[in-house]
Amino acid sequence: MSQYAEAHFIKSANAVSQFVADEGTEVAVAGRSNSGKSSAINIIVNRRQFARTSKTPGRTQLVNFFSLREQQRLVDLPGYGFAKVSDKMRFHWRELMADYFESRHSLKGLFLIVDIRRQITAFDEQMLAFAEQTGLPTHVLLTKTDKLKRGQAATALLEVRKKLGDIATVQQFSALTRLGEDEARTKLDEFLALSEHQ
């Protein structure tokens, strides 16, 4: 049973003018294409196909707003690093992301989805920079942990924690084995509970 029984898709946006009203609280989810972002969202919300997974990475090229509870939202950001996209599209994505992070008063946290085998990429660092510039708390999910042996996964976790320091909290996660789902859900609710006055 999902803790977010009322969860539903609201709308997609390709410009700031199309964003939903900036009220309540929302948590953004960002990740490189093929990082397992949609699968992670589905596990955390505990709803199959809530965020659509695709065999073609980078399909999420719009800002997708979902309602979790009244006045609490999850925002699925475009999967970055998609290969078959024009320079114009990449520029639009960067501008849209900058506008999103700088304009949303309701934004209270960022989930950054990172394939544990790739670790932190230049694109991930760009997202971390957006968050740091706006003082946004960030939580990193190291996905696909099941693809590594336990010792390798533990080492990767330590390396990312050391690299990021106080910039973000980090955890292991696997959509396949559901490793880390409770920890991730707790962090999501923690971000969603942050008041308007913080």
C-alpha atoms as a PDB file:
ATOM      1  CA  MET A   1       0.000   0.000   0.000  1.00  0.00           C
ATOM      2  CA  SER A   2       1.402   3.365  -1.020  1.00  0.00           C
ATOM      3  CA  GLN A   3       1.855   6.051   1.624  1.00  0.00           C
ATOM      4  CA  TYR A   4       0.792   8.413  -1.132  1.00  0.00           C
ATOM      5  CA  ALA A   5      -2.639   6.990  -1.928  1.00  0.00           C
ATOM      6  CA  GLU A   6      -3.777  10.253  -3.535  1.00  0.00           C
ATOM      7  CA  ALA A   7      -0.689  10.563  -5.751  1.00  0.00           C
ATOM      8  CA  HIS A   8      -1.376  11.571  -9.341  1.00  0.00           C
ATOM      9  CA  PHE A   9       0.161  13.293 -12.353  1.00  0.00           C
ATOM     10  CA  ILE A  10      -0.651  17.009 -12.619  1.00  0.00           C
ATOM     11  CA  LYS A  11       1.021  18.334 -15.778  1.00  0.00           C
ATOM     12  CA  SER A  12       4.198  18.640 -17.861  1.00  0.00           C
ATOM     13  CA  ALA A  13       5.913  21.966 -18.478  1.00  0.00           C
ATOM     14  CA  ASN A  14       8.418  23.178 -21.036  1.00  0.00           C
ATOM     15  CA  ALA A  15       8.615  26.781 -19.790  1.00  0.00           C
ATOM     16  CA  VAL A  16       8.427  28.647 -16.476  1.00  0.00           C
ATOM     17  CA  SER A  17       5.011  30.033 -17.462  1.00  0.00           C
ATOM     18  CA  GLN A  18       3.677  26.466 -17.574  1.00  0.00           C
ATOM     19  CA  PHE A  19       4.800  25.505 -14.033  1.00  0.00           C
ATOM     20  CA  VAL A  20       2.082  24.765 -11.478  1.00  0.00           C
ATOM     21  CA  ALA A  21       1.300  27.407  -8.844  1.00  0.00           C
ATOM     22  CA  ASP A  22       4.282  28.015  -6.558  1.00  0.00           C
ATOM     23  CA  GLU A  23       2.610  27.067  -3.266  1.00  0.00           C
ATOM     24  CA  GLY A  24       2.851  24.263  -0.730  1.00  0.00           C
ATOM     25  CA  THR A  25       6.047  22.185  -0.835  1.00  0.00           C
ATOM     26  CA  GLU A  26       7.725  20.183  -3.575  1.00  0.00           C
ATOM     27  CA  VAL A  27      10.770  17.971  -3.959  1.00  0.00           C
ATOM     28  CA  ALA A  28      12.588  17.722  -7.289  1.00  0.00           C
ATOM     29  CA  VAL A  29      14.103  14.502  -8.642  1.00  0.00           C
ATOM     30  CA  ALA A  30      16.972  14.819 -11.112  1.00  0.00           C
ATOM     31  CA  GLY A  31      19.308  12.326 -12.714  1.00  0.00           C
ATOM     32  CA  ARG A  32      21.348  11.524 -15.743  1.00  0.00           C
ATOM     33  CA  SER A  33      19.576   9.553 -18.458  1.00  0.00           C
ATOM     34  CA  ASN A  34      19.705   5.822 -17.676  1.00  0.00           C
ATOM     35  CA  SER A  35      20.442   6.441 -13.981  1.00  0.00           C
ATOM     36  CA  GLY A  36      17.241   4.634 -12.963  1.00  0.00           C
ATOM     37  CA  LYS A  37      15.337   7.796 -12.046  1.00  0.00           C
ATOM     38  CA  SER A  38      11.832   6.676 -13.080  1.00  0.00           C
ATOM     39  CA  SER A  39      12.260   3.279 -11.413  1.00  0.00           C
ATOM     40  CA  ALA A  40      13.433   4.964  -8.195  1.00  0.00           C
ATOM     41  CA  ILE A  41      10.409   7.274  -8.178  1.00  0.00           C
ATOM     42  CA  ASN A  42       8.053   4.314  -8.716  1.00  0.00           C
ATOM     43  CA  ILE A  43       9.581   2.388  -5.778  1.00  0.00           C
ATOM     44  CA  ILE A  44       9.585   5.359  -3.394  1.00  0.00           C
ATOM     45  CA  VAL A  45       5.979   6.286  -4.200  1.00  0.00           C
ATOM     46  CA  ASN A  46       5.194   2.530  -4.310  1.00  0.00           C
ATOM     47  CA  ARG A  47       3.138   2.818  -7.479  1.00  0.00           C
ATOM     48  CA  ARG A  48       3.955   0.847 -10.635  1.00  0.00           C
ATOM     49  CA  GLN A  49       4.445   2.984 -13.739  1.00  0.00           C
ATOM     50  CA  PHE A  50       3.819   6.169 -11.718  1.00  0.00           C
ATOM     51  CA  ALA A  51       6.777   7.724 -13.521  1.00  0.00           C
ATOM     52  CA  ARG A  52       7.089   5.977 -16.852  1.00  0.00           C
ATOM     53  CA  THR A  53      10.227   3.986 -17.433  1.00  0.00           C
ATOM     54  CA  SER A  54      11.577   3.797 -20.943  1.00  0.00           C
ATOM     55  CA  LYS A  55      14.017   1.582 -22.782  1.00  0.00           C
ATOM     56  CA  THR A  56      15.223   4.760 -24.499  1.00  0.00           C
ATOM     57  CA  PRO A  57      17.098   6.904 -21.941  1.00  0.00           C
ATOM     58  CA  GLY A  58      16.356  10.609 -21.928  1.00  0.00           C
ATOM     59  CA  ARG A  59      12.656  10.446 -22.723  1.00  0.00           C
ATOM     60  CA  THR A  60      11.889  12.761 -19.803  1.00  0.00           C
ATOM     61  CA  GLN A  61      12.620  16.096 -21.470  1.00  0.00           C
ATOM     62  CA  LEU A  62       9.878  18.068 -19.748  1.00  0.00           C
ATOM     63  CA  VAL A  63       9.379  19.127 -16.122  1.00  0.00           C
ATOM     64  CA  ASN A  64       6.704  16.739 -14.824  1.00  0.00           C
ATOM     65  CA  PHE A  65       4.674  17.721 -11.767  1.00  0.00           C
ATOM     66  CA  PHE A  66       3.029  15.057  -9.589  1.00  0.00           C
ATOM     67  CA  SER A  67       0.814  15.561  -6.555  1.00  0.00           C
ATOM     68  CA  LEU A  68       1.704  13.275  -3.620  1.00  0.00           C
ATOM     69  CA  ARG A  69      -0.640  14.722  -1.018  1.00  0.00           C
ATOM     70  CA  GLU A  70      -2.534  17.990  -0.807  1.00  0.00           C
ATOM     71  CA  GLN A  71      -0.028  20.829  -1.263  1.00  0.00           C
ATOM     72  CA  GLN A  72       2.878  18.337  -1.520  1.00  0.00           C
ATOM     73  CA  ARG A  73       4.437  17.578  -4.897  1.00  0.00           C
ATOM     74  CA  LEU A  74       7.166  15.545  -6.548  1.00  0.00           C
ATOM     75  CA  VAL A  75       8.756  17.122  -9.627  1.00  0.00           C
ATOM     76  CA  ASP A  76      10.456  14.855 -12.154  1.00  0.00           C
ATOM     77  CA  LEU A  77      13.094  16.946 -13.946  1.00  0.00           C
ATOM     78  CA  PRO A  78      14.386  16.215 -17.484  1.00  0.00           C
ATOM     79  CA  GLY A  79      16.841  13.323 -17.704  1.00  0.00           C
ATOM     80  CA  TYR A  80      20.080  15.083 -18.607  1.00  0.00           C
ATOM     81  CA  GLY A  81      22.959  13.807 -20.675  1.00  0.00           C
ATOM     82  CA  PHE A  82      20.646  12.491 -23.384  1.00  0.00           C
ATOM     83  CA  ALA A  83      22.738  11.851 -26.484  1.00  0.00           C
ATOM     84  CA  LYS A  84      20.338  12.439 -29.378  1.00  0.00           C
ATOM     85  CA  VAL A  85      19.478  16.040 -28.583  1.00  0.00           C
ATOM     86  CA  SER A  86      20.465  19.241 -30.354  1.00  0.00           C
ATOM     87  CA  ASP A  87      22.672  21.908 -28.797  1.00  0.00           C
ATOM     88  CA  LYS A  88      19.634  24.179 -28.822  1.00  0.00           C
ATOM     89  CA  MET A  89      17.725  21.648 -26.713  1.00  0.00           C
ATOM     90  CA  ARG A  90      20.632  21.326 -24.276  1.00  0.00           C
ATOM     91  CA  PHE A  91      20.785  25.113 -23.910  1.00  0.00           C
ATOM     92  CA  HIS A  92      17.012  25.254 -23.341  1.00  0.00           C
ATOM     93  CA  TRP A  93      17.347  22.533 -20.681  1.00  0.00           C
ATOM     94  CA  ARG A  94      20.082  24.457 -18.820  1.00  0.00           C
ATOM     95  CA  GLU A  95      18.041  27.681 -18.914  1.00  0.00           C
ATOM     96  CA  LEU A  96      14.876  25.886 -17.798  1.00  0.00           C
ATOM     97  CA  MET A  97      16.698  24.230 -14.891  1.00  0.00           C
ATOM     98  CA  ALA A  98      18.306  27.490 -13.774  1.00  0.00           C
ATOM     99  CA  ASP A  99      14.907  29.209 -13.876  1.00  0.00           C
ATOM    100  CA  TYR A 100      13.275  26.328 -12.007  1.00  0.00           C
ATOM    101  CA  PHE A 101      15.814  26.267  -9.156  1.00  0.00           C
ATOM    102  CA  GLU A 102      15.922  30.045  -8.802  1.00  0.00           C
ATOM    103  CA  SER A 103      12.186  30.744  -9.031  1.00  0.00           C
ATOM    104  CA  ARG A 104      10.468  28.026  -6.969  1.00  0.00           C
ATOM    105  CA  HIS A 105       9.851  29.112  -3.365  1.00  0.00           C
ATOM    106  CA  SER A 106       7.951  25.864  -2.745  1.00  0.00           C
ATOM    107  CA  LEU A 107      11.028  23.778  -3.659  1.00  0.00           C
ATOM    108  CA  LYS A 108      12.370  22.284  -0.412  1.00  0.00           C
ATOM    109  CA  GLY A 109      14.706  19.473  -1.484  1.00  0.00           C
ATOM    110  CA  LEU A 110      16.434  17.702  -4.353  1.00  0.00           C
ATOM    111  CA  PHE A 111      16.841  13.978  -4.909  1.00  0.00           C
ATOM    112  CA  LEU A 112      19.801  13.352  -7.211  1.00  0.00           C
ATOM    113  CA  ILE A 113      19.744   9.925  -8.846  1.00  0.00           C
ATOM    114  CA  VAL A 114      23.208   8.548  -9.623  1.00  0.00           C
ATOM    115  CA  ASP A 115      24.158   5.147 -11.063  1.00  0.00           C
ATOM    116  CA  ILE A 116      26.528   3.754  -8.415  1.00  0.00           C
ATOM    117  CA  ARG A 117      28.773   2.336 -11.158  1.00  0.00           C
ATOM    118  CA  ARG A 118      29.272   5.756 -12.779  1.00  0.00           C
ATOM    119  CA  GLN A 119      29.483   7.784  -9.569  1.00  0.00           C
ATOM    120  CA  ILE A 120      29.249  11.593  -9.781  1.00  0.00           C
ATOM    121  CA  THR A 121      29.449  12.883 -13.362  1.00  0.00           C
ATOM    122  CA  ALA A 122      29.904  16.442 -14.684  1.00  0.00           C
ATOM    123  CA  PHE A 123      26.132  16.639 -15.249  1.00  0.00           C
ATOM    124  CA  ASP A 124      25.486  15.624 -11.631  1.00  0.00           C
ATOM    125  CA  GLU A 125      27.916  18.319 -10.476  1.00  0.00           C
ATOM    126  CA  GLN A 126      25.913  20.864 -12.456  1.00  0.00           C
ATOM    127  CA  MET A 127      22.741  19.869 -10.596  1.00  0.00           C
ATOM    128  CA  LEU A 128      24.557  19.989  -7.268  1.00  0.00           C
ATOM    129  CA  ALA A 129      25.758  23.487  -8.152  1.00  0.00           C
ATOM    130  CA  PHE A 130      22.173  24.610  -8.883  1.00  0.00           C
ATOM    131  CA  ALA A 131      21.125  23.256  -5.481  1.00  0.00           C
ATOM    132  CA  GLU A 132      24.089  24.744  -3.623  1.00  0.00           C
ATOM    133  CA  GLN A 133      23.539  28.197  -5.137  1.00  0.00           C
ATOM    134  CA  THR A 134      19.973  28.238  -3.817  1.00  0.00           C
ATOM    135  CA  GLY A 135      20.754  26.581  -0.468  1.00  0.00           C
ATOM    136  CA  LEU A 136      18.654  23.543  -1.350  1.00  0.00           C
ATOM    137  CA  PRO A 137      19.117  20.370   0.751  1.00  0.00           C
ATOM    138  CA  THR A 138      20.140  17.463  -1.487  1.00  0.00           C
ATOM    139  CA  HIS A 139      19.926  13.694  -1.062  1.00  0.00           C
ATOM    140  CA  VAL A 140      21.811  11.387  -3.437  1.00  0.00           C
ATOM    141  CA  LEU A 141      20.439   7.940  -4.303  1.00  0.00           C
ATOM    142  CA  LEU A 142      23.184   5.635  -5.569  1.00  0.00           C
ATOM    143  CA  THR A 143      20.996   3.400  -7.708  1.00  0.00           C
ATOM    144  CA  LYS A 144      21.599  -0.036  -9.220  1.00  0.00           C
ATOM    145  CA  THR A 145      23.500  -1.088  -6.094  1.00  0.00           C
ATOM    146  CA  ASP A 146      22.490  -4.680  -6.900  1.00  0.00           C
ATOM    147  CA  LYS A 147      24.855  -4.540  -9.909  1.00  0.00           C
ATOM    148  CA  LEU A 148      27.886  -4.449  -7.591  1.00  0.00           C
ATOM    149  CA  LYS A 149      29.209  -6.846  -4.962  1.00  0.00           C
ATOM    150  CA  ARG A 150      28.504  -5.713  -1.419  1.00  0.00           C
ATOM    151  CA  GLY A 151      32.104  -4.634  -0.781  1.00  0.00           C
ATOM    152  CA  GLN A 152      32.282  -2.672  -4.024  1.00  0.00           C
ATOM    153  CA  ALA A 153      28.995  -0.927  -3.238  1.00  0.00           C
ATOM    154  CA  ALA A 154      30.192  -0.007   0.262  1.00  0.00           C
ATOM    155  CA  THR A 155      33.420   1.432  -1.162  1.00  0.00           C
ATOM    156  CA  ALA A 156      31.514   3.439  -3.777  1.00  0.00           C
ATOM    157  CA  LEU A 157      29.219   4.844  -1.075  1.00  0.00           C
ATOM    158  CA  LEU A 158      32.206   5.963   1.015  1.00  0.00           C
ATOM    159  CA  GLU A 159      33.878   7.555  -2.026  1.00  0.00           C
ATOM    160  CA  VAL A 160      30.789   9.585  -2.931  1.00  0.00           C
ATOM    161  CA  ARG A 161      30.248  10.663   0.687  1.00  0.00           C
ATOM    162  CA  LYS A 162      33.878  11.777   0.889  1.00  0.00           C
ATOM    163  CA  LYS A 163      33.617  13.667  -2.426  1.00  0.00           C
ATOM    164  CA  LEU A 164      30.419  15.493  -1.489  1.00  0.00           C
ATOM    165  CA  GLY A 165      31.121  16.150   2.180  1.00  0.00           C
ATOM    166  CA  ASP A 166      28.391  18.389   3.599  1.00  0.00           C
ATOM    167  CA  ILE A 167      26.910  19.188   0.182  1.00  0.00           C
ATOM    168  CA  ALA A 168      24.488  16.243   0.265  1.00  0.00           C
ATOM    169  CA  THR A 169      23.426  13.141   2.156  1.00  0.00           C
ATOM    170  CA  VAL A 170      24.018   9.859   0.300  1.00  0.00           C
ATOM    171  CA  GLN A 171      22.525   6.363   0.409  1.00  0.00           C
ATOM    172  CA  GLN A 172      22.557   3.106  -1.537  1.00  0.00           C
ATOM    173  CA  PHE A 173      19.411   2.211  -3.471  1.00  0.00           C
ATOM    174  CA  SER A 174      18.158  -0.587  -5.702  1.00  0.00           C
ATOM    175  CA  ALA A 175      14.804  -0.586  -7.486  1.00  0.00           C
ATOM    176  CA  LEU A 176      15.281  -4.312  -8.160  1.00  0.00           C
ATOM    177  CA  THR A 177      15.789  -5.454  -4.553  1.00  0.00           C
ATOM    178  CA  ARG A 178      14.070  -2.402  -2.987  1.00  0.00           C
ATOM    179  CA  LEU A 179      17.205  -1.747  -0.934  1.00  0.00           C
ATOM    180  CA  GLY A 180      17.017   1.668   0.707  1.00  0.00           C
ATOM    181  CA  GLU A 181      13.356   2.385  -0.106  1.00  0.00           C
ATOM    182  CA  ASP A 182      12.370   3.161   3.506  1.00  0.00           C
ATOM    183  CA  GLU A 183      15.374   5.450   3.995  1.00  0.00           C
ATOM    184  CA  ALA A 184      14.570   7.283   0.745  1.00  0.00           C
ATOM    185  CA  ARG A 185      10.890   7.654   1.635  1.00  0.00           C
ATOM    186  CA  THR A 186      11.777   9.009   5.073  1.00  0.00           C
ATOM    187  CA  LYS A 187      14.057  11.613   3.478  1.00  0.00           C
ATOM    188  CA  LEU A 188      11.359  12.574   0.959  1.00  0.00           C
ATOM    189  CA  ASP A 189       8.828  13.129   3.750  1.00  0.00           C
ATOM    190  CA  GLU A 190      11.443  15.079   5.720  1.00  0.00           C
ATOM    191  CA  PHE A 191      11.914  17.455   2.757  1.00  0.00           C
ATOM    192  CA  LEU A 192       8.160  17.734   2.136  1.00  0.00           C
ATOM    193  CA  ALA A 193       7.601  18.678   5.781  1.00  0.00           C
ATOM    194  CA  LEU A 194       9.954  21.662   5.597  1.00  0.00           C
ATOM    195  CA  SER A 195       7.907  24.747   6.326  1.00  0.00           C
ATOM    196  CA  GLU A 196       7.437  27.800   4.137  1.00  0.00           C
ATOM    197  CA  HIS A 197       9.407  29.868   6.638  1.00  0.00           C
ATOM    198  CA  GLN A 198      12.706  28.032   6.363  1.00  0.00           C
END
